[in-house]
Amino acid sequence: MAVILPMLGTNPKIGRARDAWIHQEYGPLVDLSGQRERSDLLIPLDEDSEAQERRLLRKLDKRILPILCLLYLFAYLDRSNLGNARLQGLPGDVLGGDPTGVLFDWVNSAFFFTYILLQIPFTVLSKYYNPRIWIGCSAILWGISSTSMATAHTFTGLMIARLGLGTFEAAFGGAVVLYFSFYYTKAECGTRIAYWFGFAAVAGAFGGLIAYGIQHVKVSIANWRLLFLLEGTPTILLGLLCLSLLPDRPESTQFLTAAERKIAISRMNRGTSGDFGAVVRRSHVIAAFQDWRIYVGGVIYFGLNCALASLSAFLPTIIGTMGHENAMAQLMTVPPYAVAGFVLMVTSYASDRLQIRGPLLVCTSTIGGLGYMIMLGATHRQDVRYGATFLITSGTYSSIGLVNAWYSHNLGSETKRAAGIPLYGAIGQIGGILGSHLYPLTEGPAYTHTATSYHVDELTSVSAFLLFLAALCALLLSVSFRLDNMQRDQQYGKPDPDDMVDTSELADKAPGFRYVP
């Protein structure tokens, strides 16, 4: 095994910085004269390189995953705790009772306005900054926004806090998926993203338990205000912890030894090529906006986020309409999320081992759609409707984990990932706005009505339709990726999957690059 040093194109300033760093790190091991543009510049490792890599992977997992998973746990709690706050009296205290549920819907969806608009520029900008500083500061700021909701006394105050929450979480999500690609290979990234995103399911379960406990606490402030304080404050503390402990990029982090940095750099160049330092290739940003596959991914993500947002905000209320009291309804949200987390881990692990994403995504999206169809048809069977929520949560969460893992590799270069991941994410988050309006309070126990503009008898069918559409789009993408791989194999031959592929110019269109289908 050998370490592959990253090639940086033809920019002389970047080249000189790269050369100085290589001399500092590797000393006499490398003769750089005349080698600036060689893609086969290798440095031998010790014989027991596989054992070294396994130790490095364990070291990275122990440091990176706890921090980022806990951050996402509280990110998801902070954005989705409105559903529980609604049952604890928020509309009556701040929204004048909100008999129609419209004001609550707008507060819930306000998060997505800034989240959608800022996700792309923030993720691209994150390439210019130290990941530790970027992610840590965004966490501190969204934690402040979340806790400030506890002080709101008007509809305007809640809207401002939710807009701030969306702003600073926009700096987090896409940057984290990009960050994973710095340290994990395509055979590992799906499982790590599943660990990370799985904490959204943990948040659903954990949030229900917290809300259930707070519902029974006798304090001098409203229960929903205490909920925002208890779930927002830890985010600020985790952000401070992130500033100290999260590793920087592989070539510059002090968390790794010089030998470990060699291995980390080699890993980030397997089947692709990583950047060195703060580099944004404008041509790759443009290529991301011109890539039709990213927009198809946006359609998939739209459907998944519509289903997820409606479920996150209204699951406690939906369960409450089955005849359960508010506190018990909050407690009953725990099992569907717990099962969803388990299914997410299993599907993502299988996806990494088999190196397929599309076929599994077709299956999980279909399962979620079937869950909505069962809930739609079994309006008088409350046990069946509750069982359907397990299918919805498991299918939806697993699908989102698979999509993020799919695009973390298939865009080829760091810059295209930095632009493409938030691009399909921003399109998808529009579904979150739709999802937050699917189940208004005035619809009563069955949560159904006729939509005059679309002639839809049951709005639950919107979520089902979008999940089935996501499955169809996933099938289209998988076939497209397979055909491209076959064409390149015929034209250029089959590459070694561990070889470095120079994606500095063509990104995923490089002859040696192969997609995960």
Protein backbone atom coordinates (compact mmCIF):
# COMPACT_ATOMS: atom_id res chain seq x y z
CA MET A 1 0.00 0.00 0.00
CA ALA A 2 1.19 3.54 -0.66
CA VAL A 3 0.16 7.06 0.19
CA ILE A 4 -0.99 9.24 -2.68
CA LEU A 5 -0.25 12.93 -2.40
CA PRO A 6 -2.99 15.24 -3.68
CA MET A 7 -2.45 16.96 -7.02
CA LEU A 8 -3.67 20.50 -7.25
CA GLY A 9 -3.97 21.42 -10.89
CA THR A 10 -1.93 24.21 -12.42
CA ASN A 11 -2.31 27.03 -9.91
CA PRO A 12 1.33 27.99 -9.09
CA LYS A 13 0.50 29.55 -5.73
CA ILE A 14 -1.27 26.39 -4.61
CA GLY A 15 1.56 24.29 -6.01
CA ARG A 16 4.22 26.18 -4.03
CA ALA A 17 2.15 25.88 -0.83
CA ARG A 18 1.69 22.17 -1.48
CA ASP A 19 5.41 21.65 -2.11
CA ALA A 20 6.38 23.46 1.10
CA TRP A 21 3.96 21.37 3.10
CA ILE A 22 5.19 18.10 1.54
CA HIS A 23 8.82 18.96 2.32
CA GLN A 24 7.85 19.82 5.89
CA GLU A 25 5.85 16.60 6.37
CA TYR A 26 7.93 14.10 4.40
CA GLY A 27 11.39 15.64 4.15
CA PRO A 28 13.81 13.70 1.95
CA LEU A 29 11.32 10.96 1.11
CA VAL A 30 10.09 12.91 -1.91
CA ASP A 31 11.98 14.50 -4.76
CA LEU A 32 9.64 17.17 -6.09
CA SER A 33 11.79 18.39 -8.94
CA GLY A 34 9.73 18.18 -12.10
CA GLN A 35 6.96 16.28 -10.31
CA ARG A 36 4.40 19.01 -9.65
CA GLU A 37 1.80 17.60 -12.00
CA ARG A 38 2.45 13.88 -11.58
CA SER A 39 -0.64 11.96 -10.43
CA ASP A 40 1.41 8.90 -9.42
CA LEU A 41 3.50 10.55 -6.70
CA LEU A 42 3.58 7.85 -4.04
CA ILE A 43 5.17 7.43 -0.64
CA PRO A 44 5.60 3.89 0.68
CA LEU A 45 4.15 3.05 4.06
CA ASP A 46 5.27 0.39 6.53
CA GLU A 47 4.48 -3.21 5.72
CA ASP A 48 1.66 -3.41 8.23
CA SER A 49 -0.27 -0.63 6.51
CA GLU A 50 -3.69 -2.28 6.76
CA ALA A 51 -3.38 -2.54 10.54
CA GLN A 52 -2.28 1.11 10.67
CA GLU A 53 -5.31 2.10 8.63
CA ARG A 54 -7.67 0.19 10.89
CA ARG A 55 -6.18 1.94 13.92
CA LEU A 56 -6.53 5.29 12.18
CA LEU A 57 -10.16 4.57 11.31
CA ARG A 58 -10.95 3.70 14.93
CA LYS A 59 -9.19 6.86 16.09
CA LEU A 60 -11.17 9.01 13.65
CA ASP A 61 -14.47 7.35 14.57
CA LYS A 62 -13.89 7.89 18.28
CA ARG A 63 -13.21 11.60 17.81
CA ILE A 64 -15.40 12.64 14.86
CA LEU A 65 -18.58 10.62 15.25
CA PRO A 66 -19.49 11.46 18.87
CA ILE A 67 -19.14 15.20 18.28
CA LEU A 68 -21.01 15.34 14.96
CA CYS A 69 -23.69 12.84 15.97
CA LEU A 70 -24.49 14.70 19.16
CA LEU A 71 -24.57 17.98 17.25
CA TYR A 72 -27.05 16.53 14.78
CA LEU A 73 -29.12 15.11 17.63
CA PHE A 74 -29.62 18.58 19.06
CA ALA A 75 -29.89 20.19 15.61
CA TYR A 76 -32.82 17.95 14.89
CA LEU A 77 -34.33 18.44 18.34
CA ASP A 78 -34.07 22.20 17.89
CA ARG A 79 -35.79 22.20 14.51
CA SER A 80 -38.50 19.62 15.29
CA ASN A 81 -39.48 20.30 18.90
CA LEU A 82 -42.34 22.56 17.82
CA GLY A 83 -44.55 19.50 17.45
CA ASN A 84 -44.18 18.73 21.15
CA ALA A 85 -44.34 22.40 22.16
CA ARG A 86 -47.67 22.62 20.37
CA LEU A 87 -49.15 20.01 22.70
CA GLN A 88 -47.71 21.83 25.73
CA GLY A 89 -49.61 25.06 25.10
CA LEU A 90 -47.43 27.19 22.81
CA PRO A 91 -50.31 28.24 20.49
CA GLY A 92 -52.43 29.39 23.41
CA ASP A 93 -49.62 31.37 25.05
CA VAL A 94 -48.07 33.06 22.01
CA LEU A 95 -50.32 32.62 18.97
CA GLY A 96 -53.64 33.69 20.48
CA GLY A 97 -54.95 30.15 20.52
CA ASP A 98 -54.40 29.74 16.74
CA PRO A 99 -57.71 27.90 16.15
CA THR A 100 -56.97 27.25 12.48
CA GLY A 101 -53.35 26.13 12.99
CA VAL A 102 -52.16 28.46 10.22
CA LEU A 103 -49.87 30.56 12.42
CA PHE A 104 -48.21 27.45 13.81
CA ASP A 105 -47.67 26.17 10.27
CA TRP A 106 -45.85 29.38 9.33
CA VAL A 107 -43.67 29.29 12.44
CA ASN A 108 -42.78 25.69 11.67
CA SER A 109 -41.95 26.37 8.02
CA ALA A 110 -40.03 29.65 8.68
CA PHE A 111 -36.97 27.52 9.44
CA PHE A 112 -36.87 26.31 5.87
CA PHE A 113 -36.90 29.78 4.27
CA THR A 114 -33.39 30.75 5.35
CA TYR A 115 -32.20 27.13 5.38
CA ILE A 116 -33.00 26.79 1.66
CA LEU A 117 -31.64 30.17 0.57
CA LEU A 118 -28.33 29.94 2.43
CA GLN A 119 -27.39 26.26 2.28
CA ILE A 120 -25.56 26.45 -1.07
CA PRO A 121 -23.46 29.60 -0.46
CA PHE A 122 -22.64 28.54 3.10
CA THR A 123 -21.44 25.07 2.11
CA VAL A 124 -19.23 26.45 -0.68
CA LEU A 125 -17.88 29.11 1.66
CA SER A 126 -17.08 26.46 4.26
CA LYS A 127 -14.30 25.24 1.96
CA TYR A 128 -12.39 28.45 2.75
CA TYR A 129 -12.48 27.94 6.51
CA ASN A 130 -11.24 25.51 9.10
CA PRO A 131 -14.00 22.85 9.52
CA ARG A 132 -13.59 22.91 13.28
CA ILE A 133 -14.23 26.67 13.45
CA TRP A 134 -17.01 26.64 10.85
CA ILE A 135 -19.03 23.81 12.35
CA GLY A 136 -18.43 24.89 15.96
CA CYS A 137 -19.51 28.49 15.40
CA SER A 138 -22.62 27.46 13.46
CA ALA A 139 -23.63 25.20 16.36
CA ILE A 140 -23.20 27.96 18.95
CA LEU A 141 -25.27 30.39 16.90
CA TRP A 142 -28.15 28.02 16.17
CA GLY A 143 -28.17 27.02 19.85
CA ILE A 144 -28.62 30.68 20.77
CA SER A 145 -31.45 30.97 18.23
CA SER A 146 -33.15 27.88 19.63
CA THR A 147 -33.01 28.94 23.26
CA SER A 148 -34.29 32.41 22.33
CA MET A 149 -37.59 30.78 21.31
CA ALA A 150 -38.21 30.25 25.03
CA THR A 151 -38.35 34.04 25.46
CA ALA A 152 -40.82 34.68 22.63
CA HIS A 153 -44.14 36.31 23.51
CA THR A 154 -45.41 37.09 19.99
CA PHE A 155 -45.75 35.47 16.60
CA THR A 156 -43.04 37.82 15.30
CA GLY A 157 -40.59 36.77 17.99
CA LEU A 158 -41.07 33.10 17.18
CA MET A 159 -40.62 33.79 13.46
CA ILE A 160 -37.35 35.67 14.02
CA ALA A 161 -35.96 32.88 16.18
CA ARG A 162 -36.93 30.21 13.64
CA LEU A 163 -35.40 32.20 10.78
CA GLY A 164 -32.16 32.46 12.77
CA LEU A 165 -32.26 28.74 13.46
CA GLY A 166 -32.57 28.02 9.74
CA THR A 167 -29.73 30.41 8.93
CA PHE A 168 -27.15 28.79 11.17
CA GLU A 169 -28.23 25.20 10.60
CA ALA A 170 -27.79 25.89 6.87
CA ALA A 171 -24.08 26.30 7.62
CA PHE A 172 -24.00 22.90 9.29
CA GLY A 173 -25.74 20.15 7.30
CA GLY A 174 -24.01 20.35 3.92
CA ALA A 175 -20.64 21.15 5.50
CA VAL A 176 -20.79 17.99 7.62
CA VAL A 177 -21.56 15.68 4.67
CA LEU A 178 -18.65 17.30 2.84
CA TYR A 179 -16.45 16.91 5.93
CA PHE A 180 -17.12 13.17 6.06
CA SER A 181 -15.67 12.83 2.55
CA PHE A 182 -12.36 14.24 3.83
CA TYR A 183 -11.77 11.25 6.10
CA TYR A 184 -13.91 8.34 4.91
CA THR A 185 -13.78 6.34 1.68
CA LYS A 186 -16.81 5.50 -0.44
CA ALA A 187 -16.88 2.06 1.22
CA GLU A 188 -17.18 3.69 4.66
CA CYS A 189 -19.03 6.94 4.13
CA GLY A 190 -22.54 5.50 3.93
CA THR A 191 -22.31 3.86 7.34
CA ARG A 192 -20.82 6.99 8.95
CA ILE A 193 -23.45 9.24 7.44
CA ALA A 194 -26.04 6.75 8.73
CA TYR A 195 -24.58 7.01 12.24
CA TRP A 196 -24.76 10.79 11.93
CA PHE A 197 -28.21 11.05 10.35
CA GLY A 198 -29.46 8.23 12.54
CA PHE A 199 -29.37 10.69 15.41
CA ALA A 200 -32.30 12.43 13.73
CA ALA A 201 -34.28 9.28 14.51
CA VAL A 202 -32.75 9.25 18.00
CA ALA A 203 -33.87 12.87 18.31
CA GLY A 204 -37.42 11.84 17.41
CA ALA A 205 -37.42 9.20 20.12
CA PHE A 206 -35.43 11.24 22.63
CA GLY A 207 -37.54 14.32 21.98
CA GLY A 208 -40.68 12.40 22.82
CA LEU A 209 -39.19 11.19 26.10
CA ILE A 210 -38.01 14.70 27.05
CA ALA A 211 -41.41 16.18 26.19
CA TYR A 212 -43.15 13.47 28.20
CA GLY A 213 -40.99 14.25 31.23
CA ILE A 214 -41.38 18.02 30.93
CA GLN A 215 -45.16 17.59 30.61
CA HIS A 216 -45.16 16.37 34.22
CA VAL A 217 -42.77 18.98 35.63
CA LYS A 218 -44.27 21.72 37.80
CA VAL A 219 -42.24 24.90 37.24
CA SER A 220 -42.92 28.63 37.26
CA ILE A 221 -42.61 28.91 33.47
CA ALA A 222 -44.63 27.25 30.75
CA ASN A 223 -43.58 23.70 29.96
CA TRP A 224 -42.90 24.50 26.31
CA ARG A 225 -40.48 27.29 27.31
CA LEU A 226 -38.58 24.84 29.52
CA LEU A 227 -38.50 22.44 26.54
CA PHE A 228 -36.75 25.00 24.34
CA LEU A 229 -34.25 25.86 27.07
CA LEU A 230 -33.35 22.24 27.86
CA GLU A 231 -32.94 21.26 24.21
CA GLY A 232 -31.17 24.42 23.03
CA THR A 233 -28.57 24.97 25.74
CA PRO A 234 -26.58 21.74 25.13
CA THR A 235 -26.06 22.80 21.51
CA ILE A 236 -24.10 25.85 22.64
CA LEU A 237 -21.92 23.71 24.90
CA LEU A 238 -21.32 21.18 22.11
CA GLY A 239 -20.34 24.01 19.77
CA LEU A 240 -17.68 25.11 22.23
CA LEU A 241 -16.48 21.51 22.50
CA CYS A 242 -16.31 21.26 18.72
CA LEU A 243 -14.05 24.32 18.55
CA SER A 244 -11.51 22.45 20.65
CA LEU A 245 -11.77 18.82 19.58
CA LEU A 246 -12.98 18.37 15.99
CA PRO A 247 -10.07 17.52 13.63
CA ASP A 248 -9.20 19.94 10.84
CA ARG A 249 -8.61 18.81 7.24
CA PRO A 250 -6.36 15.70 6.91
CA GLU A 251 -3.33 17.59 5.61
CA SER A 252 -3.33 20.15 8.42
CA THR A 253 -4.88 18.58 11.52
CA GLN A 254 -2.75 18.29 14.64
CA PHE A 255 -4.98 15.50 15.88
CA LEU A 256 -3.07 13.02 13.67
CA THR A 257 0.60 12.15 13.67
CA ALA A 258 2.66 12.67 10.53
CA ALA A 259 2.37 8.98 9.66
CA GLU A 260 -1.40 9.05 10.20
CA ARG A 261 -1.72 12.11 7.99
CA LYS A 262 -0.01 10.16 5.19
CA ILE A 263 -2.62 7.42 5.45
CA ALA A 264 -5.51 9.90 5.74
CA ILE A 265 -4.40 11.73 2.60
CA SER A 266 -4.11 8.44 0.73
CA ARG A 267 -7.63 7.47 1.79
CA MET A 268 -9.21 10.71 0.62
CA ASN A 269 -7.69 10.12 -2.84
CA ARG A 270 -9.04 6.63 -3.47
CA GLY A 271 -11.18 6.56 -6.57
CA THR A 272 -11.11 10.36 -6.64
CA SER A 273 -8.72 13.17 -5.64
CA GLY A 274 -8.92 15.59 -2.74
CA ASP A 275 -8.02 19.25 -2.57
CA PHE A 276 -5.20 20.66 -0.53
CA GLY A 277 -6.24 23.53 1.71
CA ALA A 278 -8.82 26.23 1.00
CA VAL A 279 -9.52 25.62 -2.69
CA VAL A 280 -12.79 26.29 -4.57
CA ARG A 281 -12.82 25.44 -8.28
CA ARG A 282 -15.36 27.71 -9.90
CA SER A 283 -15.73 25.47 -12.93
CA HIS A 284 -16.90 22.67 -10.66
CA VAL A 285 -19.48 24.93 -9.00
CA ILE A 286 -20.85 25.72 -12.47
CA ALA A 287 -20.74 22.01 -13.37
CA ALA A 288 -22.86 21.22 -10.31
CA PHE A 289 -25.58 23.60 -11.46
CA GLN A 290 -25.49 22.04 -14.93
CA ASP A 291 -25.68 18.40 -13.77
CA TRP A 292 -29.17 16.97 -14.35
CA ARG A 293 -28.54 14.17 -11.87
CA ILE A 294 -28.33 16.66 -9.00
CA TYR A 295 -31.79 17.98 -9.87
CA VAL A 296 -33.18 14.44 -9.97
CA GLY A 297 -31.60 13.99 -6.56
CA GLY A 298 -33.43 17.16 -5.55
CA VAL A 299 -36.74 15.61 -6.60
CA ILE A 300 -35.95 12.55 -4.45
CA TYR A 301 -34.96 14.72 -1.52
CA PHE A 302 -38.07 16.87 -1.98
CA GLY A 303 -40.33 13.87 -1.48
CA LEU A 304 -38.35 12.53 1.45
CA ASN A 305 -38.27 15.87 3.25
CA CYS A 306 -41.97 16.46 2.68
CA ALA A 307 -42.70 13.15 4.38
CA LEU A 308 -40.14 13.78 7.12
CA ALA A 309 -41.18 17.36 7.92
CA SER A 310 -44.87 16.50 8.15
CA LEU A 311 -44.06 13.53 10.35
CA SER A 312 -41.68 15.45 12.64
CA ALA A 313 -44.04 18.34 13.27
CA PHE A 314 -47.32 16.47 13.49
CA LEU A 315 -46.68 12.86 14.59
CA PRO A 316 -47.52 13.60 18.26
CA THR A 317 -50.75 15.27 17.17
CA ILE A 318 -51.61 12.47 14.73
CA ILE A 319 -51.16 9.89 17.49
CA GLY A 320 -53.17 12.12 19.83
CA THR A 321 -56.14 11.95 17.44
CA MET A 322 -56.13 8.16 17.85
CA GLY A 323 -57.60 8.71 21.31
CA HIS A 324 -54.50 9.10 23.47
CA GLU A 325 -53.81 11.95 25.89
CA ASN A 326 -51.10 14.45 24.95
CA ALA A 327 -48.45 13.06 27.30
CA MET A 328 -49.03 9.47 26.12
CA ALA A 329 -49.07 10.63 22.49
CA GLN A 330 -45.61 12.11 22.98
CA LEU A 331 -44.37 8.88 24.56
CA MET A 332 -45.79 6.78 21.73
CA THR A 333 -43.65 8.66 19.19
CA VAL A 334 -40.56 6.92 20.61
CA PRO A 335 -40.89 3.37 19.17
CA PRO A 336 -41.32 4.39 15.47
CA TYR A 337 -38.17 6.52 15.64
CA ALA A 338 -36.21 3.83 17.46
CA VAL A 339 -37.06 1.25 14.80
CA ALA A 340 -36.23 3.79 12.06
CA GLY A 341 -32.75 4.27 13.50
CA PHE A 342 -32.10 0.52 13.46
CA VAL A 343 -33.34 0.10 9.87
CA LEU A 344 -31.23 3.09 8.78
CA MET A 345 -28.07 1.48 10.18
CA VAL A 346 -28.77 -1.88 8.56
CA THR A 347 -29.53 -0.48 5.09
CA SER A 348 -26.54 1.87 5.11
CA TYR A 349 -24.17 -0.89 6.23
CA ALA A 350 -25.48 -3.16 3.47
CA SER A 351 -25.10 -0.29 1.01
CA ASP A 352 -21.43 0.19 1.90
CA ARG A 353 -20.64 -3.52 1.79
CA LEU A 354 -22.40 -4.10 -1.53
CA GLN A 355 -21.42 -0.69 -2.98
CA ILE A 356 -24.93 0.01 -4.21
CA ARG A 357 -27.26 2.85 -3.25
CA GLY A 358 -30.02 3.08 -5.87
CA PRO A 359 -31.68 -0.35 -5.50
CA LEU A 360 -31.85 -0.01 -1.72
CA LEU A 361 -33.20 3.53 -2.06
CA VAL A 362 -35.96 2.25 -4.33
CA CYS A 363 -36.96 -0.27 -1.65
CA THR A 364 -36.88 2.10 1.32
CA SER A 365 -38.80 4.88 -0.46
CA THR A 366 -41.46 2.37 -1.51
CA ILE A 367 -41.79 1.15 2.08
CA GLY A 368 -42.36 4.72 3.28
CA GLY A 369 -44.96 5.32 0.57
CA LEU A 370 -46.81 2.13 1.51
CA GLY A 371 -46.88 3.31 5.12
CA TYR A 372 -48.67 6.50 4.11
CA MET A 373 -51.11 4.54 1.95
CA ILE A 374 -51.96 2.28 4.90
CA MET A 375 -52.51 5.30 7.15
CA LEU A 376 -54.73 6.79 4.46
CA GLY A 377 -56.89 3.71 4.10
CA ALA A 378 -57.17 2.56 7.72
CA THR A 379 -58.92 5.62 9.14
CA HIS A 380 -60.89 3.56 11.67
CA ARG A 381 -58.17 1.07 12.69
CA GLN A 382 -55.97 2.99 15.11
CA ASP A 383 -53.62 0.06 15.75
CA VAL A 384 -53.03 -0.32 12.01
CA ARG A 385 -52.45 3.42 11.60
CA TYR A 386 -49.91 3.38 14.42
CA GLY A 387 -48.17 0.43 12.79
CA ALA A 388 -48.01 2.41 9.54
CA THR A 389 -45.95 5.08 11.28
CA PHE A 390 -43.17 2.48 11.69
CA LEU A 391 -43.08 1.96 7.91
CA ILE A 392 -43.09 5.70 7.29
CA THR A 393 -40.26 6.52 9.69
CA SER A 394 -38.13 3.52 8.67
CA GLY A 395 -38.53 4.10 4.95
CA THR A 396 -38.03 7.85 5.07
CA TYR A 397 -35.01 7.98 7.39
CA SER A 398 -33.24 5.13 5.57
CA SER A 399 -33.82 6.81 2.23
CA ILE A 400 -32.35 10.14 3.33
CA GLY A 401 -29.25 8.41 4.69
CA LEU A 402 -28.77 6.58 1.39
CA VAL A 403 -29.18 9.75 -0.71
CA ASN A 404 -26.57 11.64 1.29
CA ALA A 405 -24.12 8.75 1.03
CA TRP A 406 -24.79 8.43 -2.71
CA TYR A 407 -23.87 12.01 -3.54
CA SER A 408 -20.97 12.21 -1.09
CA HIS A 409 -18.93 10.24 -3.64
CA ASN A 410 -20.69 10.48 -6.99
CA LEU A 411 -19.98 14.16 -7.61
CA GLY A 412 -16.26 13.49 -8.06
CA SER A 413 -14.48 16.51 -6.57
CA GLU A 414 -14.64 18.38 -3.27
CA THR A 415 -15.86 21.59 -4.88
CA LYS A 416 -18.60 19.89 -6.87
CA ARG A 417 -19.70 18.14 -3.70
CA ALA A 418 -19.65 21.48 -1.85
CA ALA A 419 -22.02 22.94 -4.46
CA GLY A 420 -24.01 19.84 -5.44
CA ILE A 421 -24.89 18.44 -2.01
CA PRO A 422 -26.56 21.65 -0.77
CA LEU A 423 -28.13 22.17 -4.22
CA TYR A 424 -30.16 18.97 -4.10
CA GLY A 425 -30.58 19.57 -0.37
CA ALA A 426 -32.06 23.04 -0.94
CA ILE A 427 -34.48 21.70 -3.54
CA GLY A 428 -35.42 18.94 -1.16
CA GLN A 429 -35.99 21.24 1.79
CA ILE A 430 -38.79 22.95 -0.14
CA GLY A 431 -40.59 19.70 0.55
CA GLY A 432 -40.20 20.50 4.22
CA ILE A 433 -42.34 23.60 3.74
CA LEU A 434 -45.00 21.57 1.95
CA GLY A 435 -44.84 18.87 4.62
CA SER A 436 -45.39 21.38 7.41
CA HIS A 437 -48.69 22.44 5.76
CA LEU A 438 -50.10 18.99 4.99
CA TYR A 439 -51.89 18.45 8.30
CA PRO A 440 -53.55 21.64 9.53
CA LEU A 441 -55.14 21.54 12.97
CA THR A 442 -58.69 22.11 11.68
CA GLU A 443 -58.80 18.80 9.81
CA GLY A 444 -59.69 16.79 12.89
CA PRO A 445 -59.03 13.17 13.72
CA ALA A 446 -58.83 11.75 10.20
CA TYR A 447 -56.49 14.47 8.92
CA THR A 448 -58.05 14.43 5.46
CA HIS A 449 -59.72 16.98 3.24
CA THR A 450 -60.36 17.83 -0.39
CA ALA A 451 -57.78 20.12 -1.94
CA THR A 452 -59.71 22.15 -4.48
CA SER A 453 -56.62 23.30 -6.42
CA TYR A 454 -55.32 19.77 -6.99
CA HIS A 455 -58.54 17.73 -6.65
CA VAL A 456 -56.89 15.48 -4.08
CA ASP A 457 -59.30 13.78 -1.68
CA GLU A 458 -56.70 12.91 0.91
CA LEU A 459 -53.62 15.06 1.49
CA THR A 460 -51.85 12.10 3.06
CA SER A 461 -51.64 10.76 -0.50
CA VAL A 462 -49.32 13.67 -1.35
CA SER A 463 -46.61 12.22 0.87
CA ALA A 464 -47.23 8.72 -0.51
CA PHE A 465 -47.05 9.95 -4.11
CA LEU A 466 -43.82 11.83 -3.50
CA LEU A 467 -42.18 8.81 -1.90
CA PHE A 468 -43.17 6.60 -4.84
CA LEU A 469 -41.82 9.29 -7.18
CA ALA A 470 -38.56 9.24 -5.21
CA ALA A 471 -38.32 5.48 -5.76
CA LEU A 472 -38.81 5.94 -9.52
CA CYS A 473 -36.16 8.68 -9.68
CA ALA A 474 -33.73 6.52 -7.70
CA LEU A 475 -34.20 3.72 -10.24
CA LEU A 476 -33.51 6.18 -13.07
CA LEU A 477 -30.33 7.43 -11.44
CA SER A 478 -29.05 3.95 -10.64
CA VAL A 479 -29.50 2.82 -14.25
CA SER A 480 -27.84 6.01 -15.49
CA PHE A 481 -24.80 5.54 -13.25
CA ARG A 482 -24.45 1.89 -14.30
CA LEU A 483 -24.59 2.77 -17.99
CA ASP A 484 -21.94 5.46 -17.56
CA ASN A 485 -19.67 3.03 -15.71
CA MET A 486 -20.09 0.40 -18.43
CA GLN A 487 -19.32 2.92 -21.16
CA ARG A 488 -16.13 4.09 -19.44
CA ASP A 489 -15.05 0.51 -18.77
CA GLN A 490 -15.40 -0.28 -22.45
CA GLN A 491 -13.56 2.86 -23.52
CA TYR A 492 -10.80 3.11 -20.90
CA GLY A 493 -10.76 -0.27 -19.14
CA LYS A 494 -11.66 -1.10 -15.55
CA PRO A 495 -9.64 0.93 -13.02
CA ASP A 496 -8.39 -0.24 -9.64
CA PRO A 497 -10.97 1.19 -7.21
CA ASP A 498 -8.16 2.21 -4.80
CA ASP A 499 -6.17 4.14 -7.43
CA MET A 500 -6.12 7.91 -7.34
CA VAL A 501 -8.26 9.51 -10.07
CA ASP A 502 -7.39 13.05 -11.09
CA THR A 503 -10.74 14.83 -10.81
CA SER A 504 -9.21 18.32 -10.59
CA GLU A 505 -10.41 19.28 -14.07
CA LEU A 506 -13.37 17.07 -14.98
CA ALA A 507 -14.72 16.08 -11.53
CA ASP A 508 -16.98 13.02 -11.94
CA LYS A 509 -16.55 13.14 -15.75
CA ALA A 510 -12.88 12.09 -15.44
CA PRO A 511 -12.20 8.90 -17.48
CA GLY A 512 -10.97 6.97 -14.45
CA PHE A 513 -13.85 7.92 -12.15
CA ARG A 514 -16.58 5.37 -11.46
CA TYR A 515 -19.96 6.00 -9.84
CA VAL A 516 -21.54 4.03 -7.05
CA PRO A 517 -24.79 2.88 -8.74
